[in-house]
Amino acid sequence: MSSPDIMQTDDTSEGNQDFESETQQQTQSTQQASQQTNPSLDSHLWGFLQPCSPALTRIDFWKIHPRYTIGRNTQTNQVVLPGFKVSK
């Protein structure tokens, strides 16, 4: 027994698209603001984490080491994050 294809619409889908669009714009502006470094100074890196807090230093990821473990455990992670939260 087969049922006919039914197209359902959701009134909230338009609202979700607006939210996603706004979130994407915020992310893009954050990315642009965080990527204003001199490329020649960072050419040995494949990436870095720039903390929002000026009290913390930048975490660099070197091209010669393509894989890192990140977390709070000092015995198993190469990059150890301080504190109990990622952001406050």
N, C-alpha and C. Protein backbone atom coordinates (compact mmCIF):
# COMPACT_ATOMS: atom_id res chain seq x y z
N MET A 1 0.84 -1.18 0.00
CA MET A 1 0.00 0.00 0.00
C MET A 1 0.89 1.24 0.00
N SER A 2 0.73 2.08 -0.96
CA SER A 2 1.56 3.27 -1.03
C SER A 2 0.74 4.50 -0.73
N SER A 3 1.38 5.49 -0.13
CA SER A 3 0.70 6.72 0.17
C SER A 3 1.18 7.81 -0.77
N PRO A 4 0.31 8.73 -1.14
CA PRO A 4 0.73 9.81 -2.05
C PRO A 4 1.74 10.73 -1.37
N ASP A 5 2.61 11.29 -2.18
CA ASP A 5 3.59 12.24 -1.65
C ASP A 5 2.86 13.50 -1.17
N ILE A 6 3.15 13.90 0.02
CA ILE A 6 2.50 15.07 0.60
C ILE A 6 3.58 16.08 0.96
N MET A 7 3.41 17.28 0.51
CA MET A 7 4.36 18.34 0.85
C MET A 7 3.81 19.10 2.04
N GLN A 8 4.57 19.09 3.11
CA GLN A 8 4.15 19.81 4.30
C GLN A 8 4.97 21.08 4.41
N THR A 9 4.33 22.14 4.82
CA THR A 9 5.04 23.40 5.03
C THR A 9 5.06 23.69 6.50
N ASP A 10 6.08 24.35 6.93
CA ASP A 10 6.25 24.70 8.33
C ASP A 10 6.39 26.21 8.41
N ASP A 11 5.49 26.85 9.10
CA ASP A 11 5.52 28.31 9.20
C ASP A 11 6.79 28.80 9.88
N THR A 12 7.40 27.96 10.71
CA THR A 12 8.60 28.41 11.43
C THR A 12 9.86 28.28 10.59
N SER A 13 9.80 27.61 9.44
CA SER A 13 11.01 27.43 8.63
C SER A 13 11.56 28.77 8.14
N GLU A 14 10.70 29.71 7.83
CA GLU A 14 11.17 31.03 7.39
C GLU A 14 11.90 31.74 8.53
N GLY A 15 11.37 31.62 9.72
CA GLY A 15 12.01 32.21 10.89
C GLY A 15 13.36 31.58 11.16
N ASN A 16 13.46 30.26 10.96
CA ASN A 16 14.74 29.56 11.15
C ASN A 16 15.76 30.02 10.13
N GLN A 17 15.33 30.24 8.89
CA GLN A 17 16.24 30.70 7.85
C GLN A 17 16.77 32.09 8.18
N ASP A 18 15.90 32.96 8.70
CA ASP A 18 16.35 34.29 9.10
C ASP A 18 17.39 34.20 10.20
N PHE A 19 17.13 33.33 11.18
CA PHE A 19 18.07 33.15 12.29
C PHE A 19 19.40 32.60 11.78
N GLU A 20 19.35 31.60 10.90
CA GLU A 20 20.58 31.03 10.35
C GLU A 20 21.36 32.06 9.56
N SER A 21 20.67 32.88 8.78
CA SER A 21 21.32 33.92 7.99
C SER A 21 22.00 34.93 8.90
N GLU A 22 21.31 35.34 9.97
CA GLU A 22 21.88 36.30 10.91
C GLU A 22 23.10 35.70 11.62
N THR A 23 22.99 34.45 12.02
CA THR A 23 24.10 33.78 12.69
C THR A 23 25.30 33.67 11.76
N GLN A 24 25.05 33.33 10.49
CA GLN A 24 26.13 33.21 9.53
C GLN A 24 26.82 34.55 9.32
N GLN A 25 26.04 35.63 9.25
CA GLN A 25 26.63 36.96 9.07
C GLN A 25 27.50 37.32 10.27
N GLN A 26 27.04 36.99 11.48
CA GLN A 26 27.82 37.28 12.68
C GLN A 26 29.12 36.48 12.67
N THR A 27 29.04 35.22 12.27
CA THR A 27 30.23 34.37 12.21
C THR A 27 31.22 34.92 11.19
N GLN A 28 30.72 35.31 10.03
CA GLN A 28 31.61 35.83 9.00
C GLN A 28 32.30 37.10 9.45
N SER A 29 31.59 37.98 10.13
CA SER A 29 32.23 39.22 10.58
C SER A 29 33.27 38.92 11.66
N THR A 30 33.01 37.92 12.50
CA THR A 30 33.99 37.52 13.51
C THR A 30 35.22 36.94 12.84
N GLN A 31 35.02 36.10 11.82
CA GLN A 31 36.14 35.51 11.11
C GLN A 31 37.00 36.59 10.46
N GLN A 32 36.35 37.56 9.84
CA GLN A 32 37.11 38.63 9.18
C GLN A 32 37.91 39.41 10.20
N ALA A 33 37.32 39.70 11.35
CA ALA A 33 38.01 40.47 12.38
C ALA A 33 39.18 39.68 12.96
N SER A 34 39.04 38.37 13.04
CA SER A 34 40.10 37.56 13.66
C SER A 34 41.19 37.18 12.67
N GLN A 35 41.02 37.47 11.41
CA GLN A 35 41.99 37.07 10.40
C GLN A 35 42.77 38.26 9.85
N GLN A 36 43.06 39.23 10.70
CA GLN A 36 43.78 40.41 10.26
C GLN A 36 45.25 40.35 10.63
N THR A 37 45.84 39.16 10.58
CA THR A 37 47.25 39.03 10.90
C THR A 37 48.08 39.09 9.62
N ASN A 38 49.36 39.34 9.78
CA ASN A 38 50.27 39.40 8.65
C ASN A 38 50.57 37.97 8.18
N PRO A 39 50.20 37.61 6.94
CA PRO A 39 50.38 36.24 6.47
C PRO A 39 51.85 35.79 6.47
N SER A 40 52.78 36.68 6.22
CA SER A 40 54.19 36.28 6.18
C SER A 40 54.70 35.90 7.57
N LEU A 41 54.16 36.51 8.62
CA LEU A 41 54.57 36.18 9.97
C LEU A 41 54.02 34.82 10.42
N ASP A 42 52.90 34.42 9.83
CA ASP A 42 52.24 33.18 10.22
C ASP A 42 52.36 32.09 9.16
N SER A 43 53.28 32.20 8.24
CA SER A 43 53.38 31.24 7.14
C SER A 43 53.78 29.84 7.62
N HIS A 44 54.36 29.73 8.80
CA HIS A 44 54.75 28.43 9.34
C HIS A 44 53.59 27.73 10.04
N LEU A 45 52.43 28.38 10.11
CA LEU A 45 51.27 27.84 10.81
C LEU A 45 50.20 27.39 9.84
N TRP A 46 49.43 26.37 10.24
CA TRP A 46 48.23 26.01 9.48
C TRP A 46 47.00 26.61 10.14
N GLY A 47 47.15 27.14 11.35
CA GLY A 47 46.03 27.77 12.02
C GLY A 47 46.41 28.21 13.42
N PHE A 48 45.49 28.90 14.08
CA PHE A 48 45.71 29.31 15.46
C PHE A 48 44.37 29.62 16.11
N LEU A 49 44.37 29.59 17.44
CA LEU A 49 43.20 30.00 18.22
C LEU A 49 43.53 31.32 18.89
N GLN A 50 42.71 32.32 18.63
CA GLN A 50 42.92 33.64 19.22
C GLN A 50 41.88 33.84 20.32
N PRO A 51 42.27 33.78 21.59
CA PRO A 51 41.30 33.96 22.68
C PRO A 51 40.69 35.36 22.66
N CYS A 52 39.46 35.44 23.12
CA CYS A 52 38.80 36.74 23.23
C CYS A 52 39.36 37.55 24.39
N SER A 53 39.86 36.87 25.40
CA SER A 53 40.40 37.54 26.59
C SER A 53 41.85 37.95 26.33
N PRO A 54 42.20 39.20 26.59
CA PRO A 54 43.59 39.63 26.42
C PRO A 54 44.52 39.00 27.45
N ALA A 55 43.97 38.39 28.49
CA ALA A 55 44.79 37.74 29.51
C ALA A 55 45.38 36.41 29.02
N LEU A 56 44.82 35.85 27.94
CA LEU A 56 45.28 34.57 27.40
C LEU A 56 46.09 34.78 26.14
N THR A 57 47.05 33.93 25.91
CA THR A 57 47.89 34.04 24.71
C THR A 57 47.33 33.19 23.58
N ARG A 58 47.69 33.54 22.38
CA ARG A 58 47.27 32.83 21.18
C ARG A 58 47.87 31.43 21.18
N ILE A 59 47.11 30.46 20.67
CA ILE A 59 47.59 29.09 20.55
C ILE A 59 47.86 28.84 19.07
N ASP A 60 49.12 28.56 18.73
CA ASP A 60 49.52 28.34 17.34
C ASP A 60 49.52 26.86 17.00
N PHE A 61 49.12 26.54 15.76
CA PHE A 61 49.18 25.19 15.23
C PHE A 61 50.17 25.17 14.07
N TRP A 62 51.29 24.51 14.26
CA TRP A 62 52.39 24.51 13.30
C TRP A 62 52.15 23.51 12.17
N LYS A 63 52.58 23.89 10.96
CA LYS A 63 52.44 23.02 9.79
C LYS A 63 53.20 21.70 9.97
N ILE A 64 54.32 21.73 10.68
CA ILE A 64 55.10 20.50 10.86
C ILE A 64 54.41 19.51 11.80
N HIS A 65 53.36 19.95 12.48
CA HIS A 65 52.58 19.09 13.36
C HIS A 65 51.11 19.21 12.95
N PRO A 66 50.66 18.39 11.99
CA PRO A 66 49.32 18.58 11.42
C PRO A 66 48.16 18.15 12.30
N ARG A 67 48.41 17.47 13.41
CA ARG A 67 47.32 16.97 14.25
C ARG A 67 47.59 17.27 15.72
N TYR A 68 46.60 17.84 16.39
CA TYR A 68 46.71 18.19 17.80
C TYR A 68 45.54 17.59 18.56
N THR A 69 45.75 17.31 19.85
CA THR A 69 44.64 16.98 20.73
C THR A 69 44.45 18.17 21.66
N ILE A 70 43.19 18.57 21.83
CA ILE A 70 42.86 19.77 22.62
C ILE A 70 41.87 19.37 23.70
N GLY A 71 42.11 19.85 24.90
CA GLY A 71 41.19 19.57 26.00
C GLY A 71 41.71 20.13 27.30
N ARG A 72 41.22 19.59 28.41
CA ARG A 72 41.62 20.08 29.73
C ARG A 72 42.57 19.11 30.45
N ASN A 73 42.67 17.89 29.98
CA ASN A 73 43.53 16.90 30.61
C ASN A 73 44.99 17.16 30.24
N THR A 74 45.81 17.47 31.22
CA THR A 74 47.21 17.81 30.97
C THR A 74 48.05 16.59 30.58
N GLN A 75 47.57 15.40 30.87
CA GLN A 75 48.35 14.20 30.58
C GLN A 75 48.11 13.67 29.17
N THR A 76 46.95 13.94 28.59
CA THR A 76 46.64 13.35 27.28
C THR A 76 46.53 14.36 26.14
N ASN A 77 46.51 15.65 26.43
CA ASN A 77 46.32 16.66 25.38
C ASN A 77 47.58 17.48 25.16
N GLN A 78 47.82 17.80 23.90
CA GLN A 78 48.96 18.65 23.56
C GLN A 78 48.65 20.12 23.81
N VAL A 79 47.40 20.50 23.62
CA VAL A 79 46.95 21.86 23.91
C VAL A 79 45.96 21.76 25.06
N VAL A 80 46.29 22.38 26.18
CA VAL A 80 45.44 22.32 27.37
C VAL A 80 44.76 23.67 27.56
N LEU A 81 43.44 23.63 27.60
CA LEU A 81 42.66 24.85 27.79
C LEU A 81 42.53 25.17 29.28
N PRO A 82 42.70 26.42 29.66
CA PRO A 82 42.60 26.79 31.07
C PRO A 82 41.14 26.99 31.48
N GLY A 83 40.89 26.94 32.77
CA GLY A 83 39.56 27.26 33.31
C GLY A 83 38.56 26.14 33.09
N PHE A 84 37.32 26.43 33.49
CA PHE A 84 36.25 25.44 33.40
C PHE A 84 35.36 25.65 32.20
N LYS A 85 35.40 26.82 31.59
CA LYS A 85 34.56 27.15 30.44
C LYS A 85 35.43 27.54 29.25
N VAL A 86 34.89 27.34 28.05
CA VAL A 86 35.60 27.77 26.85
C VAL A 86 35.45 29.28 26.70
N SER A 87 34.26 29.82 26.97
CA SER A 87 34.05 31.26 26.92
C SER A 87 33.13 31.66 28.05
N LYS A 88 33.24 32.90 28.45
CA LYS A 88 32.41 33.40 29.56
C LYS A 88 31.53 34.51 29.08
